[in-house]
Amino acid sequence: MSKMKCNYCKKILSDDADVSFNYFQHLEINHYTVLSAEDKIMHDIRKKMIKSKKDYDQNKKISGNSDLIFNAKNSEI
């Protein structure tokens, strides 16, 4: 079991499948203003990556796997 402890307020985050994401959200909600410039940059990059992944997964559910569709249309087999 892996638990994460906040380095800023010593809160121990719940031990579940999303413990890393919960820690990320905890930092954004409670401690973003005290992060160093470098930590803010990394946090913002992670936030954009998470949003991009969510958008991709949502689009994939709606349109299906575009790689398979493209390959099926252009395949000579």
C-alpha atoms as a PDB file:
ATOM      1  CA  MET A   1       0.000   0.000   0.000  1.00  0.00           C
ATOM      2  CA  SER A   2       1.328   3.357  -0.963  1.00  0.00           C
ATOM      3  CA  LYS A   3       0.247   6.466   0.875  1.00  0.00           C
ATOM      4  CA  MET A   4       1.303   9.947   0.000  1.00  0.00           C
ATOM      5  CA  LYS A   5       2.080  12.597   2.560  1.00  0.00           C
ATOM      6  CA  CYS A   6       1.864  16.245   1.602  1.00  0.00           C
ATOM      7  CA  ASN A   7       5.192  18.014   2.031  1.00  0.00           C
ATOM      8  CA  TYR A   8       3.453  21.312   2.774  1.00  0.00           C
ATOM      9  CA  CYS A   9       0.789  20.450   5.370  1.00  0.00           C
ATOM     10  CA  LYS A  10       1.682  16.840   6.298  1.00  0.00           C
ATOM     11  CA  LYS A  11      -1.799  15.604   5.306  1.00  0.00           C
ATOM     12  CA  ILE A  12      -1.843  11.901   4.443  1.00  0.00           C
ATOM     13  CA  LEU A  13      -3.857  11.264   1.318  1.00  0.00           C
ATOM     14  CA  SER A  14      -6.175   8.303   0.995  1.00  0.00           C
ATOM     15  CA  ASP A  15      -4.712   5.077  -0.283  1.00  0.00           C
ATOM     16  CA  ASP A  16      -6.620   4.239  -3.446  1.00  0.00           C
ATOM     17  CA  ALA A  17      -6.030   3.815  -7.170  1.00  0.00           C
ATOM     18  CA  ASP A  18      -5.930   7.593  -7.707  1.00  0.00           C
ATOM     19  CA  VAL A  19      -3.550   8.527  -4.896  1.00  0.00           C
ATOM     20  CA  SER A  20      -1.171  10.353  -7.278  1.00  0.00           C
ATOM     21  CA  PHE A  21      -4.017  12.271  -8.912  1.00  0.00           C
ATOM     22  CA  ASN A  22      -5.477  13.103  -5.488  1.00  0.00           C
ATOM     23  CA  TYR A  23      -2.084  14.477  -4.416  1.00  0.00           C
ATOM     24  CA  PHE A  24      -1.891  16.529  -7.605  1.00  0.00           C
ATOM     25  CA  GLN A  25      -5.336  18.021  -6.949  1.00  0.00           C
ATOM     26  CA  HIS A  26      -4.509  18.620  -3.279  1.00  0.00           C
ATOM     27  CA  LEU A  27      -1.429  20.622  -4.281  1.00  0.00           C
ATOM     28  CA  GLU A  28      -3.389  22.669  -6.802  1.00  0.00           C
ATOM     29  CA  ILE A  29      -6.228  23.469  -4.402  1.00  0.00           C
ATOM     30  CA  ASN A  30      -4.226  24.078  -1.227  1.00  0.00           C
ATOM     31  CA  HIS A  31      -0.617  24.924  -2.035  1.00  0.00           C
ATOM     32  CA  TYR A  32      -0.242  26.174  -5.629  1.00  0.00           C
ATOM     33  CA  THR A  33       0.568  29.715  -4.504  1.00  0.00           C
ATOM     34  CA  VAL A  34       3.539  28.571  -2.408  1.00  0.00           C
ATOM     35  CA  LEU A  35       5.128  26.332  -5.036  1.00  0.00           C
ATOM     36  CA  SER A  36       8.474  27.433  -6.439  1.00  0.00           C
ATOM     37  CA  ALA A  37       8.582  28.737 -10.009  1.00  0.00           C
ATOM     38  CA  GLU A  38       9.980  25.419 -11.250  1.00  0.00           C
ATOM     39  CA  ASP A  39       7.342  23.411  -9.368  1.00  0.00           C
ATOM     40  CA  LYS A  40       4.586  25.625 -10.815  1.00  0.00           C
ATOM     41  CA  ILE A  41       5.910  24.990 -14.328  1.00  0.00           C
ATOM     42  CA  MET A  42       5.951  21.231 -13.741  1.00  0.00           C
ATOM     43  CA  HIS A  43       2.492  21.347 -12.179  1.00  0.00           C
ATOM     44  CA  ASP A  44       1.093  23.277 -15.151  1.00  0.00           C
ATOM     45  CA  ILE A  45       2.677  20.813 -17.595  1.00  0.00           C
ATOM     46  CA  ARG A  46       1.166  17.867 -15.713  1.00  0.00           C
ATOM     47  CA  LYS A  47      -2.224  19.622 -15.703  1.00  0.00           C
ATOM     48  CA  LYS A  48      -2.079  20.069 -19.488  1.00  0.00           C
ATOM     49  CA  MET A  49      -1.022  16.442 -19.973  1.00  0.00           C
ATOM     50  CA  ILE A  50      -3.893  15.182 -17.812  1.00  0.00           C
ATOM     51  CA  LYS A  51      -6.371  17.349 -19.734  1.00  0.00           C
ATOM     52  CA  SER A  52      -4.973  16.138 -23.052  1.00  0.00           C
ATOM     53  CA  LYS A  53      -5.274  12.499 -21.965  1.00  0.00           C
ATOM     54  CA  LYS A  54      -8.862  13.004 -20.786  1.00  0.00           C
ATOM     55  CA  ASP A  55      -9.763  14.735 -24.072  1.00  0.00           C
ATOM     56  CA  TYR A  56      -8.135  11.933 -26.077  1.00  0.00           C
ATOM     57  CA  ASP A  57      -9.934   9.216 -24.109  1.00  0.00           C
ATOM     58  CA  GLN A  58     -13.265  11.009 -24.456  1.00  0.00           C
ATOM     59  CA  ASN A  59     -12.759  11.525 -28.192  1.00  0.00           C
ATOM     60  CA  LYS A  60     -11.728   7.891 -28.590  1.00  0.00           C
ATOM     61  CA  LYS A  61     -14.980   6.760 -26.918  1.00  0.00           C
ATOM     62  CA  ILE A  62     -16.998   8.935 -29.298  1.00  0.00           C
ATOM     63  CA  SER A  63     -15.194   8.232 -32.577  1.00  0.00           C
ATOM     64  CA  GLY A  64     -13.595   4.863 -31.882  1.00  0.00           C
ATOM     65  CA  ASN A  65      -9.993   3.970 -32.543  1.00  0.00           C
ATOM     66  CA  SER A  66      -9.105   6.184 -35.514  1.00  0.00           C
ATOM     67  CA  ASP A  67      -5.927   4.203 -36.250  1.00  0.00           C
ATOM     68  CA  LEU A  68      -7.929   1.045 -36.821  1.00  0.00           C
ATOM     69  CA  ILE A  69     -10.471   2.891 -38.984  1.00  0.00           C
ATOM     70  CA  PHE A  70      -7.736   4.521 -41.071  1.00  0.00           C
ATOM     71  CA  ASN A  71      -5.821   1.279 -41.497  1.00  0.00           C
ATOM     72  CA  ALA A  72      -8.951  -0.656 -42.433  1.00  0.00           C
ATOM     73  CA  LYS A  73      -9.859   1.889 -45.146  1.00  0.00           C
ATOM     74  CA  ASN A  74      -6.375   1.949 -46.658  1.00  0.00           C
ATOM     75  CA  SER A  75      -5.449  -1.667 -46.272  1.00  0.00           C
ATOM     76  CA  GLU A  76      -5.030  -3.862 -49.332  1.00  0.00           C
ATOM     77  CA  ILE A  77      -5.732  -7.003 -47.330  1.00  0.00           C
END
